[in-house]
C-alpha atoms as a PDB file:
ATOM      1  CA  MET A   1      86.616  81.126 107.904  1.00  0.00           C
ATOM      2  CA  GLN A   2      86.359  81.420 103.842  1.00  0.00           C
ATOM      3  CA  PRO A   3      89.744  82.461 102.313  1.00  0.00           C
ATOM      4  CA  TYR A   4      89.296  86.069 101.487  1.00  0.00           C
ATOM      5  CA  TYR A   5      90.006  86.429  97.572  1.00  0.00           C
ATOM      6  CA  TYR A   6      87.722  83.232  97.294  1.00  0.00           C
ATOM      7  CA  SER A   7      85.026  84.664  99.614  1.00  0.00           C
ATOM      8  CA  GLN A   8      84.259  87.297  96.491  1.00  0.00           C
ATOM      9  CA  LEU A   9      84.200  85.065  94.114  1.00  0.00           C
ATOM     10  CA  PRO A  10      80.584  83.427  92.449  1.00  0.00           C
ATOM     11  CA  LYS A  11      80.534  79.882  92.627  1.00  0.00           C
ATOM     12  CA  PRO A  12      80.605  78.838  90.194  1.00  0.00           C
ATOM     13  CA  LEU A  13      83.955  80.393  89.917  1.00  0.00           C
ATOM     14  CA  GLN A  14      84.561  79.202  93.250  1.00  0.00           C
ATOM     15  CA  THR A  15      84.517  75.503  92.079  1.00  0.00           C
ATOM     16  CA  VAL A  16      87.049  76.443  90.021  1.00  0.00           C
ATOM     17  CA  TYR A  17      89.205  77.566  92.714  1.00  0.00           C
ATOM     18  CA  HIS A  18      88.619  75.040  94.797  1.00  0.00           C
ATOM     19  CA  ALA A  19      89.425  72.427  91.837  1.00  0.00           C
ATOM     20  CA  ILE A  20      92.864  73.708  91.410  1.00  0.00           C
ATOM     21  CA  TYR A  21      93.851  74.229  95.197  1.00  0.00           C
ATOM     22  CA  THR A  22      92.845  71.298  96.189  1.00  0.00           C
ATOM     23  CA  GLY A  23      94.637  69.528  93.133  1.00  0.00           C
ATOM     24  CA  VAL A  24      98.220  71.637  93.485  1.00  0.00           C
ATOM     25  CA  SER A  25      98.331  70.992  97.543  1.00  0.00           C
ATOM     26  CA  ALA A  26      97.806  66.857  97.075  1.00  0.00           C
ATOM     27  CA  LEU A  27     100.710  68.050  94.110  1.00  0.00           C
ATOM     28  CA  LYS A  28      99.366  66.186  90.993  1.00  0.00           C
ATOM     29  CA  PRO A  29     100.579  66.976  87.857  1.00  0.00           C
ATOM     30  CA  SER A  30      97.675  67.569  86.797  1.00  0.00           C
ATOM     31  CA  PHE A  31      94.423  67.751  87.118  1.00  0.00           C
ATOM     32  CA  ALA A  32      90.677  68.504  85.618  1.00  0.00           C
ATOM     33  CA  VAL A  33      88.997  71.856  86.270  1.00  0.00           C
ATOM     34  CA  PRO A  34      85.777  73.592  84.979  1.00  0.00           C
ATOM     35  CA  LYS A  35      86.197  75.280  82.119  1.00  0.00           C
ATOM     36  CA  VAL A  36      86.789  78.918  81.439  1.00  0.00           C
ATOM     37  CA  GLU A  37      88.697  81.709  79.927  1.00  0.00           C
ATOM     38  CA  ARG A  38      92.252  81.487  80.339  1.00  0.00           C
ATOM     39  CA  HIS A  39      92.604  85.220  81.785  1.00  0.00           C
ATOM     40  CA  THR A  40      89.559  84.510  84.766  1.00  0.00           C
ATOM     41  CA  LEU A  41      91.031  80.842  84.407  1.00  0.00           C
ATOM     42  CA  SER A  42      94.854  83.652  84.680  1.00  0.00           C
ATOM     43  CA  GLU A  43      93.111  85.484  87.727  1.00  0.00           C
ATOM     44  CA  ILE A  44      91.828  82.766  89.983  1.00  0.00           C
ATOM     45  CA  PHE A  45      95.085  81.083  90.258  1.00  0.00           C
ATOM     46  CA  LEU A  46      96.164  84.591  91.651  1.00  0.00           C
ATOM     47  CA  MET A  47      93.853  84.776  94.044  1.00  0.00           C
ATOM     48  CA  LEU A  48      94.662  81.167  95.071  1.00  0.00           C
ATOM     49  CA  ARG A  49      98.067  82.137  95.863  1.00  0.00           C
ATOM     50  CA  LEU A  50      97.313  85.381  97.820  1.00  0.00           C
ATOM     51  CA  ASP A  51      94.565  83.527 100.002  1.00  0.00           C
ATOM     52  CA  HIS A  52      97.568  80.766 100.236  1.00  0.00           C
ATOM     53  CA  PRO A  53     100.837  82.087 100.907  1.00  0.00           C
ATOM     54  CA  GLU A  54     101.491  78.386 102.266  1.00  0.00           C
ATOM     55  CA  ILE A  55     101.052  77.168  98.736  1.00  0.00           C
ATOM     56  CA  PHE A  56     105.149  78.562  98.180  1.00  0.00           C
ATOM     57  CA  TYR A  57     105.922  75.936  95.826  1.00  0.00           C
ATOM     58  CA  LEU A  58     104.070  77.264  92.445  1.00  0.00           C
ATOM     59  CA  THR A  59     105.420  79.271  89.387  1.00  0.00           C
ATOM     60  CA  GLY A  60     102.835  79.225  86.799  1.00  0.00           C
ATOM     61  CA  PHE A  61     100.933  77.240  85.073  1.00  0.00           C
ATOM     62  CA  SER A  62      99.502  75.802  81.353  1.00  0.00           C
ATOM     63  CA  TYR A  63      96.709  74.267  80.334  1.00  0.00           C
ATOM     64  CA  ARG A  64      94.625  71.607  77.856  1.00  0.00           C
ATOM     65  CA  PHE A  65      91.219  71.654  76.622  1.00  0.00           C
ATOM     66  CA  TYR A  66      88.978  70.281  74.165  1.00  0.00           C
ATOM     67  CA  PRO A  67      86.620  72.202  71.831  1.00  0.00           C
ATOM     68  CA  GLN A  68      83.458  71.009  73.510  1.00  0.00           C
ATOM     69  CA  ALA A  69      84.556  69.493  76.771  1.00  0.00           C
ATOM     70  CA  SER A  70      83.441  71.002  80.012  1.00  0.00           C
ATOM     71  CA  ASN A  71      86.874  70.527  81.625  1.00  0.00           C
ATOM     72  CA  VAL A  72      90.086  71.641  80.418  1.00  0.00           C
ATOM     73  CA  GLU A  73      93.449  69.726  82.055  1.00  0.00           C
ATOM     74  CA  PHE A  74      95.419  72.655  84.876  1.00  0.00           C
ATOM     75  CA  ILE A  75      99.320  71.394  84.639  1.00  0.00           C
ATOM     76  CA  PRO A  76     101.045  73.388  87.159  1.00  0.00           C
ATOM     77  CA  GLU A  77     103.957  74.398  86.998  1.00  0.00           C
ATOM     78  CA  TYR A  78     106.207  72.931  90.416  1.00  0.00           C
ATOM     79  CA  LEU A  79     109.033  75.438  91.756  1.00  0.00           C
ATOM     80  CA  PHE A  80     110.770  72.316  93.076  1.00  0.00           C
ATOM     81  CA  ASP A  81     109.835  68.356  92.662  1.00  0.00           C
ATOM     82  CA  LYS A  82     107.894  66.339  95.344  1.00  0.00           C
ATOM     83  CA  ASN A  83     110.447  65.784  97.390  1.00  0.00           C
ATOM     84  CA  LYS A  84     112.330  68.447  97.525  1.00  0.00           C
ATOM     85  CA  ILE A  85     108.187  70.676  98.574  1.00  0.00           C
ATOM     86  CA  LEU A  86     107.705  67.673 101.044  1.00  0.00           C
ATOM     87  CA  GLU A  87     111.011  68.766 103.061  1.00  0.00           C
ATOM     88  CA  HIS A  88     110.818  72.164 102.676  1.00  0.00           C
ATOM     89  CA  GLN A  89     106.931  72.801 103.747  1.00  0.00           C
ATOM     90  CA  LYS A  90     108.260  71.088 106.758  1.00  0.00           C
ATOM     91  CA  ALA A  91     111.247  73.010 106.822  1.00  0.00           C
ATOM     92  CA  LEU A  92     109.015  75.811 107.600  1.00  0.00           C
ATOM     93  CA  SER A  93     106.178  74.912 109.542  1.00  0.00           C
ATOM     94  CA  ALA A  94     109.104  74.810 112.136  1.00  0.00           C
ATOM     95  CA  ARG A  95     110.060  77.981 110.377  1.00  0.00           C
ATOM     96  CA  VAL A  96     107.272  79.825 111.608  1.00  0.00           C
ATOM     97  CA  GLU A  97     105.826  77.684 114.612  1.00  0.00           C
ATOM     98  CA  LYS A  98     109.367  78.837 115.795  1.00  0.00           C
ATOM     99  CA  LEU A  99     109.108  82.411 114.799  1.00  0.00           C
ATOM    100  CA  CYS A 100     105.584  82.781 116.411  1.00  0.00           C
ATOM    101  CA  ARG A 101     106.128  81.349 119.373  1.00  0.00           C
ATOM    102  CA  PRO A 102     107.695  84.878 121.483  1.00  0.00           C
ATOM    103  CA  ALA A 103     103.962  86.327 120.558  1.00  0.00           C
ATOM    104  CA  ARG A 104     101.999  84.254 121.251  1.00  0.00           C
ATOM    105  CA  ASP A 105     101.099  86.071 124.289  1.00  0.00           C
ATOM    106  CA  MET A 106     101.416  89.322 123.035  1.00  0.00           C
ATOM    107  CA  ASP A 107      97.666  91.594 121.306  1.00  0.00           C
ATOM    108  CA  GLU A 108      97.133  91.298 117.941  1.00  0.00           C
ATOM    109  CA  TRP A 109      98.854  94.983 117.831  1.00  0.00           C
ATOM    110  CA  GLN A 110     102.608  93.735 119.473  1.00  0.00           C
ATOM    111  CA  ALA A 111     101.790  90.968 117.648  1.00  0.00           C
ATOM    112  CA  GLU A 112     101.971  92.757 114.153  1.00  0.00           C
ATOM    113  CA  GLN A 113     104.902  95.127 115.329  1.00  0.00           C
ATOM    114  CA  TYR A 114     106.742  92.173 116.170  1.00  0.00           C
ATOM    115  CA  ILE A 115     106.202  90.566 112.251  1.00  0.00           C
ATOM    116  CA  HIS A 116     106.797  93.544 110.525  1.00  0.00           C
ATOM    117  CA  ASP A 117     110.226  94.184 112.677  1.00  0.00           C
ATOM    118  CA  PHE A 118     111.254  90.687 111.735  1.00  0.00           C
ATOM    119  CA  ILE A 119     110.976  91.090 108.195  1.00  0.00           C
ATOM    120  CA  CYS A 120     112.894  94.488 108.055  1.00  0.00           C
ATOM    121  CA  GLN A 121     115.715  93.106 110.694  1.00  0.00           C
ATOM    122  CA  ASN A 122     116.184  90.145 109.164  1.00  0.00           C
ATOM    123  CA  VAL A 123     115.198  90.133 105.056  1.00  0.00           C
ATOM    124  CA  ARG A 124     117.168  92.181 102.519  1.00  0.00           C
ATOM    125  CA  TYR A 125     115.777  92.950  98.915  1.00  0.00           C
ATOM    126  CA  ASP A 126     117.098  89.984  96.379  1.00  0.00           C
ATOM    127  CA  LYS A 127     117.650  92.020  93.484  1.00  0.00           C
ATOM    128  CA  LEU A 128     117.863  89.597  91.486  1.00  0.00           C
ATOM    129  CA  LYS A 129     114.419  88.889  91.276  1.00  0.00           C
ATOM    130  CA  LYS A 130     114.923  84.390  92.012  1.00  0.00           C
ATOM    131  CA  PRO A 131     111.551  82.589  92.632  1.00  0.00           C
ATOM    132  CA  TYR A 132     111.848  81.886  95.468  1.00  0.00           C
ATOM    133  CA  SER A 133     111.692  85.717  96.479  1.00  0.00           C
ATOM    134  CA  HIS A 134     108.369  85.824  95.655  1.00  0.00           C
ATOM    135  CA  GLU A 135     107.334  83.043  98.282  1.00  0.00           C
ATOM    136  CA  ILE A 136     107.804  82.484 101.650  1.00  0.00           C
ATOM    137  CA  ILE A 137     110.845  80.610 101.437  1.00  0.00           C
ATOM    138  CA  GLY A 138     112.886  83.165 100.488  1.00  0.00           C
ATOM    139  CA  PRO A 139     112.214  85.826 103.859  1.00  0.00           C
ATOM    140  CA  LEU A 140     111.209  83.355 106.064  1.00  0.00           C
ATOM    141  CA  ALA A 141     114.108  80.446 105.043  1.00  0.00           C
ATOM    142  CA  GLN A 142     116.616  82.592 103.157  1.00  0.00           C
ATOM    143  CA  GLY A 143     116.081  85.662 104.479  1.00  0.00           C
ATOM    144  CA  VAL A 144     115.870  87.335 100.921  1.00  0.00           C
ATOM    145  CA  GLY A 145     112.506  88.402  99.413  1.00  0.00           C
ATOM    146  CA  VAL A 146     111.017  90.702  97.276  1.00  0.00           C
ATOM    147  CA  CYS A 147     106.913  92.937  97.819  1.00  0.00           C
ATOM    148  CA  GLU A 148     105.588  89.382  97.024  1.00  0.00           C
ATOM    149  CA  GLY A 149     107.420  87.299  99.440  1.00  0.00           C
ATOM    150  CA  ILE A 150     107.827  89.391 101.980  1.00  0.00           C
ATOM    151  CA  ALA A 151     103.713  89.940 102.339  1.00  0.00           C
ATOM    152  CA  LYS A 152     103.107  86.946 101.666  1.00  0.00           C
ATOM    153  CA  SER A 153     105.712  86.526 104.736  1.00  0.00           C
ATOM    154  CA  VAL A 154     103.305  89.303 107.118  1.00  0.00           C
ATOM    155  CA  LYS A 155     100.445  87.159 105.279  1.00  0.00           C
ATOM    156  CA  MET A 156     101.894  83.366 106.842  1.00  0.00           C
ATOM    157  CA  LEU A 157     102.608  84.874 110.445  1.00  0.00           C
ATOM    158  CA  CYS A 158      99.538  86.746 111.265  1.00  0.00           C
ATOM    159  CA  ASP A 159      97.454  83.630 110.308  1.00  0.00           C
ATOM    160  CA  ALA A 160      99.623  81.819 113.024  1.00  0.00           C
ATOM    161  CA  LEU A 161      98.631  84.151 115.048  1.00  0.00           C
ATOM    162  CA  GLY A 162      94.987  83.944 114.616  1.00  0.00           C
ATOM    163  CA  ILE A 163      94.794  88.041 112.491  1.00  0.00           C
ATOM    164  CA  TRP A 164      93.293  88.229 109.950  1.00  0.00           C
ATOM    165  CA  CYS A 165      95.598  89.685 107.643  1.00  0.00           C
ATOM    166  CA  ILE A 166      94.810  89.416 103.036  1.00  0.00           C
ATOM    167  CA  ILE A 167      97.639  90.564 100.928  1.00  0.00           C
ATOM    168  CA  ALA A 168      96.887  93.631  98.569  1.00  0.00           C
ATOM    169  CA  LEU A 169      98.131  93.766  95.174  1.00  0.00           C
ATOM    170  CA  SER A 170      97.874  97.559  93.364  1.00  0.00           C
ATOM    171  CA  GLU A 171      98.344  97.640  89.310  1.00  0.00           C
ATOM    172  CA  ALA A 172     102.099  98.466  87.473  1.00  0.00           C
ATOM    173  CA  ASN A 173     101.576 101.653  86.162  1.00  0.00           C
ATOM    174  CA  PRO A 174     104.487 102.608  83.720  1.00  0.00           C
ATOM    175  CA  GLU A 175     104.211 105.828  83.017  1.00  0.00           C
ATOM    176  CA  ASN A 176     105.208 107.114  86.437  1.00  0.00           C
ATOM    177  CA  GLY A 177     107.884 104.703  86.396  1.00  0.00           C
ATOM    178  CA  VAL A 178     106.587 101.837  88.768  1.00  0.00           C
ATOM    179  CA  LYS A 179     107.397  98.768  86.510  1.00  0.00           C
ATOM    180  CA  TYR A 180     106.185  96.297  88.376  1.00  0.00           C
ATOM    181  CA  ARG A 181     102.961  95.695  90.347  1.00  0.00           C
ATOM    182  CA  HIS A 182     103.745  95.860  94.078  1.00  0.00           C
ATOM    183  CA  ALA A 183     102.131  94.017  97.263  1.00  0.00           C
ATOM    184  CA  TRP A 184     101.808  94.375 100.698  1.00  0.00           C
ATOM    185  CA  ASN A 185      98.981  94.014 103.539  1.00  0.00           C
ATOM    186  CA  VAL A 186      95.839  94.613 105.126  1.00  0.00           C
ATOM    187  CA  LEU A 187      94.620  93.576 108.991  1.00  0.00           C
ATOM    188  CA  ARG A 188      91.754  94.085 110.591  1.00  0.00           C
ATOM    189  CA  LEU A 189      92.971  94.735 114.648  1.00  0.00           C
ATOM    190  CA  GLY A 190      90.161  95.558 116.735  1.00  0.00           C
ATOM    191  CA  ASN A 191      87.193  96.885 114.298  1.00  0.00           C
ATOM    192  CA  ALA A 192      88.841  98.511 111.761  1.00  0.00           C
ATOM    193  CA  TYR A 193      91.238  97.457 108.503  1.00  0.00           C
ATOM    194  CA  TYR A 194      95.006  99.052 108.257  1.00  0.00           C
ATOM    195  CA  HIS A 195      96.821  98.792 105.438  1.00  0.00           C
ATOM    196  CA  LEU A 196     101.175  97.260 106.680  1.00  0.00           C
ATOM    197  CA  ASP A 197     103.806  97.851 104.092  1.00  0.00           C
ATOM    198  CA  ALA A 198     106.564  96.360 105.501  1.00  0.00           C
ATOM    199  CA  THR A 199     109.086  96.643 102.189  1.00  0.00           C
ATOM    200  CA  PHE A 200     108.642  99.917 101.801  1.00  0.00           C
ATOM    201  CA  ASP A 201     109.388 100.381 105.385  1.00  0.00           C
ATOM    202  CA  ASN A 202     112.374  98.131 104.834  1.00  0.00           C
ATOM    203  CA  SER A 203     113.704  99.992 102.680  1.00  0.00           C
ATOM    204  CA  LEU A 204     113.699 103.128 104.355  1.00  0.00           C
ATOM    205  CA  GLY A 205     115.793 101.517 107.370  1.00  0.00           C
ATOM    206  CA  LYS A 206     118.987 102.908 108.457  1.00  0.00           C
ATOM    207  CA  ASP A 207     122.195 102.062 110.854  1.00  0.00           C
ATOM    208  CA  SER A 208     119.919 100.044 112.076  1.00  0.00           C
ATOM    209  CA  ILE A 209     116.643 102.118 112.824  1.00  0.00           C
ATOM    210  CA  LEU A 210     113.112 100.422 111.913  1.00  0.00           C
ATOM    211  CA  ARG A 211     111.049 103.133 110.265  1.00  0.00           C
ATOM    212  CA  TYR A 212     106.844 102.590 110.664  1.00  0.00           C
ATOM    213  CA  ASP A 213     106.570 105.348 108.077  1.00  0.00           C
ATOM    214  CA  TYR A 214     103.642 102.319 106.046  1.00  0.00           C
ATOM    215  CA  PHE A 215     102.951 100.980 109.617  1.00  0.00           C
ATOM    216  CA  ASN A 216      98.435 100.727 109.483  1.00  0.00           C
ATOM    217  CA  LEU A 217      97.884 103.701 107.535  1.00  0.00           C
ATOM    218  CA  SER A 218      94.544 104.633 105.621  1.00  0.00           C
ATOM    219  CA  ASP A 219      93.506 103.991 102.023  1.00  0.00           C
ATOM    220  CA  GLU A 220      94.241 107.901 101.749  1.00  0.00           C
ATOM    221  CA  LEU A 221      97.435 107.685 103.204  1.00  0.00           C
ATOM    222  CA  ILE A 222      98.703 104.330 101.607  1.00  0.00           C
ATOM    223  CA  PHE A 223      97.195 105.373  97.806  1.00  0.00           C
ATOM    224  CA  ARG A 224      99.472 108.240  98.107  1.00  0.00           C
ATOM    225  CA  ASP A 225     102.730 106.556  96.875  1.00  0.00           C
ATOM    226  CA  HIS A 226     100.560 103.198  95.828  1.00  0.00           C
ATOM    227  CA  GLU A 227      99.181 102.657  93.097  1.00  0.00           C
ATOM    228  CA  THR A 228      95.375 101.436  92.069  1.00  0.00           C
ATOM    229  CA  LEU A 229      94.243  97.666  93.537  1.00  0.00           C
ATOM    230  CA  VAL A 230      94.240  94.466  91.131  1.00  0.00           C
ATOM    231  CA  PHE A 231      91.211  92.992  93.279  1.00  0.00           C
ATOM    232  CA  PRO A 232      89.015  95.109  95.524  1.00  0.00           C
ATOM    233  CA  VAL A 233      90.345  94.865  99.597  1.00  0.00           C
ATOM    234  CA  PRO A 234      87.980  96.418 102.566  1.00  0.00           C
ATOM    235  CA  THR A 235      87.827 100.274 102.919  1.00  0.00           C
ATOM    236  CA  CYS A 236      90.670 101.235 105.481  1.00  0.00           C
ATOM    237  CA  ASN A 237      89.362 104.725 107.005  1.00  0.00           C
ATOM    238  CA  ASP A 238      91.199 105.554 110.614  1.00  0.00           C
ATOM    239  CA  SER A 239      93.900 107.068 110.981  1.00  0.00           C
ATOM    240  CA  THR A 240      93.747 107.175 114.757  1.00  0.00           C
ATOM    241  CA  GLN A 241      96.522 104.012 114.621  1.00  0.00           C
ATOM    242  CA  LEU A 242      99.282 105.056 112.697  1.00  0.00           C
ATOM    243  CA  TYR A 243     101.931 104.153 113.902  1.00  0.00           C
ATOM    244  CA  TYR A 244     103.649 106.809 114.824  1.00  0.00           C
ATOM    245  CA  ARG A 245     100.296 108.799 116.225  1.00  0.00           C
ATOM    246  CA  ALA A 246      99.966 106.107 118.636  1.00  0.00           C
ATOM    247  CA  HIS A 247     103.224 106.655 119.916  1.00  0.00           C
ATOM    248  CA  LYS A 248     103.475 110.611 119.799  1.00  0.00           C
ATOM    249  CA  LEU A 249     104.924 111.422 117.843  1.00  0.00           C
ATOM    250  CA  SER A 250     103.398 112.787 115.004  1.00  0.00           C
ATOM    251  CA  PHE A 251     103.242 117.053 115.566  1.00  0.00           C
ATOM    252  CA  THR A 252     101.217 119.348 114.463  1.00  0.00           C
ATOM    253  CA  LYS A 253     103.130 122.685 115.546  1.00  0.00           C
ATOM    254  CA  GLN A 254     106.379 123.328 114.791  1.00  0.00           C
ATOM    255  CA  GLU A 255     107.276 124.181 118.681  1.00  0.00           C
ATOM    256  CA  ASP A 256     106.411 120.391 119.902  1.00  0.00           C
ATOM    257  CA  VAL A 257     109.473 119.595 116.611  1.00  0.00           C
ATOM    258  CA  GLU A 258     112.159 121.725 118.284  1.00  0.00           C
ATOM    259  CA  LYS A 259     111.380 120.505 121.784  1.00  0.00           C
ATOM    260  CA  ARG A 260     111.638 117.521 120.575  1.00  0.00           C
ATOM    261  CA  VAL A 261     114.992 117.341 118.663  1.00  0.00           C
ATOM    262  CA  ILE A 262     116.332 119.513 121.678  1.00  0.00           C
ATOM    263  CA  GLN A 263     114.892 116.249 123.584  1.00  0.00           C
ATOM    264  CA  ALA A 264     116.814 113.993 120.878  1.00  0.00           C
ATOM    265  CA  ILE A 265     120.173 116.101 121.029  1.00  0.00           C
ATOM    266  CA  ARG A 266     120.722 116.098 125.094  1.00  0.00           C
ATOM    267  CA  LYS A 267     119.628 111.895 124.814  1.00  0.00           C
ATOM    268  CA  ASN A 268     121.949 111.731 121.416  1.00  0.00           C
ATOM    269  CA  LYS A 269     119.633 110.100 120.183  1.00  0.00           C
ATOM    270  CA  PRO A 270     118.082 110.815 115.996  1.00  0.00           C
ATOM    271  CA  LEU A 271     114.897 111.200 116.115  1.00  0.00           C
ATOM    272  CA  VAL A 272     111.706 109.424 113.659  1.00  0.00           C
ATOM    273  CA  PHE A 273     109.134 111.736 113.811  1.00  0.00           C
ATOM    274  CA  HIS A 274     105.420 112.100 111.317  1.00  0.00           C
ATOM    275  CA  TRP A 275     104.311 116.194 110.810  1.00  0.00           C
ATOM    276  CA  ARG A 276     100.359 116.265 110.383  1.00  0.00           C
ATOM    277  CA  GLY A 277     100.861 120.303 110.373  1.00  0.00           C
ATOM    278  CA  GLY A 278      99.472 120.815 107.042  1.00  0.00           C
ATOM    279  CA  PRO A 279     100.257 119.683 103.939  1.00  0.00           C
ATOM    280  CA  LEU A 280     104.013 119.499 103.496  1.00  0.00           C
ATOM    281  CA  THR A 281     104.245 122.457  99.997  1.00  0.00           C
ATOM    282  CA  ARG A 282     107.483 123.305  99.518  1.00  0.00           C
ATOM    283  CA  SER A 283     107.430 126.684 101.498  1.00  0.00           C
ATOM    284  CA  SER A 284     106.072 124.474 104.980  1.00  0.00           C
ATOM    285  CA  LEU A 285     108.874 122.423 104.228  1.00  0.00           C
ATOM    286  CA  GLN A 286     111.030 124.523 104.168  1.00  0.00           C
ATOM    287  CA  MET A 287     110.268 126.149 107.431  1.00  0.00           C
ATOM    288  CA  LEU A 288     110.127 123.383 109.390  1.00  0.00           C
ATOM    289  CA  ILE A 289     113.380 122.289 108.013  1.00  0.00           C
ATOM    290  CA  GLU A 290     114.575 125.783 109.204  1.00  0.00           C
ATOM    291  CA  SER A 291     113.246 124.991 112.685  1.00  0.00           C
ATOM    292  CA  ILE A 292     115.210 121.748 112.663  1.00  0.00           C
ATOM    293  CA  GLU A 293     118.168 123.821 112.060  1.00  0.00           C
ATOM    294  CA  LYS A 294     117.517 126.425 114.197  1.00  0.00           C
ATOM    295  CA  ALA A 295     116.629 123.959 117.511  1.00  0.00           C
ATOM    296  CA  ALA A 296     119.967 122.447 116.320  1.00  0.00           C
ATOM    297  CA  GLN A 297     122.205 125.476 116.254  1.00  0.00           C
ATOM    298  CA  GLN A 298     120.776 125.776 119.852  1.00  0.00           C
ATOM    299  CA  LYS A 299     122.354 122.927 121.083  1.00  0.00           C
ATOM    300  CA  GLU A 300     125.556 123.722 118.705  1.00  0.00           C
ATOM    301  CA  HIS A 301     124.632 120.975 116.509  1.00  0.00           C
ATOM    302  CA  PHE A 302     124.242 120.532 113.237  1.00  0.00           C
ATOM    303  CA  VAL A 303     121.362 118.048 111.601  1.00  0.00           C
ATOM    304  CA  GLN A 304     120.868 115.445 108.850  1.00  0.00           C
ATOM    305  CA  ILE A 305     117.831 115.322 107.746  1.00  0.00           C
ATOM    306  CA  ARG A 306     115.753 112.370 105.689  1.00  0.00           C
ATOM    307  CA  PHE A 307     112.080 113.405 104.938  1.00  0.00           C
ATOM    308  CA  ASN A 308     109.531 110.827 103.347  1.00  0.00           C
ATOM    309  CA  LEU A 309     107.458 113.561 101.346  1.00  0.00           C
ATOM    310  CA  SER A 310     104.717 111.075 100.846  1.00  0.00           C
ATOM    311  CA  GLN A 311     103.901 110.377 103.400  1.00  0.00           C
ATOM    312  CA  ALA A 312     105.575 113.274 105.806  1.00  0.00           C
ATOM    313  CA  VAL A 313     107.500 111.294 107.781  1.00  0.00           C
ATOM    314  CA  PHE A 314     110.997 112.762 109.523  1.00  0.00           C
ATOM    315  CA  TYR A 315     114.249 111.486 109.833  1.00  0.00           C
ATOM    316  CA  ILE A 316     116.864 112.938 111.029  1.00  0.00           C
ATOM    317  CA  THR A 317     120.529 112.641 112.898  1.00  0.00           C
ATOM    318  CA  PHE A 318     122.660 114.962 115.045  1.00  0.00           C
ATOM    319  CA  SER A 319     127.071 115.915 114.508  1.00  0.00           C
ATOM    320  CA  LYS A 320     129.008 119.132 115.947  1.00  0.00           C
ATOM    321  CA  THR A 321     130.798 119.602 112.515  1.00  0.00           C
ATOM    322  CA  SER A 322     128.596 120.953 109.427  1.00  0.00           C
ATOM    323  CA  SER A 323     130.725 118.993 107.261  1.00  0.00           C
ATOM    324  CA  ASN A 324     127.971 116.444 108.382  1.00  0.00           C
ATOM    325  CA  ARG A 325     124.594 118.750 107.312  1.00  0.00           C
ATOM    326  CA  GLU A 326     122.653 117.005 105.092  1.00  0.00           C
ATOM    327  CA  LEU A 327     118.625 117.419 103.755  1.00  0.00           C
ATOM    328  CA  ILE A 328     117.873 114.116 101.021  1.00  0.00           C
ATOM    329  CA  GLU A 329     114.528 113.039  99.785  1.00  0.00           C
ATOM    330  CA  GLN A 330     114.106 109.582 100.468  1.00  0.00           C
ATOM    331  CA  GLN A 331     111.544 107.264  97.852  1.00  0.00           C
ATOM    332  CA  ALA A 332     110.431 104.215  99.414  1.00  0.00           C
ATOM    333  CA  ASN A 333     110.337 101.429  97.154  1.00  0.00           C
ATOM    334  CA  GLU A 334     110.998  97.931  97.411  1.00  0.00           C
ATOM    335  CA  GLY A 335     114.769  97.735  95.291  1.00  0.00           C
ATOM    336  CA  GLU A 336     116.938  99.815  98.419  1.00  0.00           C
ATOM    337  CA  GLU A 337     118.140  97.819 100.237  1.00  0.00           C
ATOM    338  CA  HIS A 338     119.110  99.723 104.245  1.00  0.00           C
ATOM    339  CA  SER A 339     122.419 100.312 105.300  1.00  0.00           C
END
């Protein structure tokens, strides 16, 4: 099957893409590619890196051209020397094989969760944003990464397990406080497409509790707090496989939430749930919080509530002392590490 972004290009630009792919795969110091505008060349280079997370050793490129020539000389910027690249390729291949072994007999839904959980349990956000954290070598070999490296690692593992997966990339929006582009994944499971943002879920996890706020989201849900895409991706219009909904942790009635609160206290466990009983306005949020606190008081407990307003997900822990009562709005993002 053709790589996704490659398949979106017209034939002449596919020729440019293929020339770059062939050259960097062979680790050539420079090579000829058909002449195109610098902006177009940069876009093709970006598409190639989104399609091929296994090319982890590139940081950029420069080029030389002559006015009358039909080609340009493409000069890749490699992260390591050739011997080191070959060494890392061998180690990463073994690492991917080892990681995928437990998931070989899983169905695609189980394998998706296995990959998501691996990221959330084993990768911490690299606040220094070192070059290798943007590539699979960061999360898979070093246990650190930024959104780009995490999305590439998810794709790498999905590819190895035969799950259709691409990397989605959104624009920065400085006016809204979004300084950088953000990357996540789109998967095809069954006959539908879904958004999966392991980086955002990783930022929300706390006390060894895994979060699935960004697991199998539709377009409507993901773009509540994600920016406009750089390149189009397939339409994701199924919201029935949202993790919490599929696992019967998505409620539409306050009485159902109250029952789960009492049940969680009885089992001495935190409660994570999704609310889809209408928009979370200031007043409806207050009513829901009061309902949660009322149910906890029946069992002589106080609550600590963390909530992701954009995705209407609540994480509740319980205590017998009122001094531990708290209400915190969580902002899913890249830089916040889970504790």
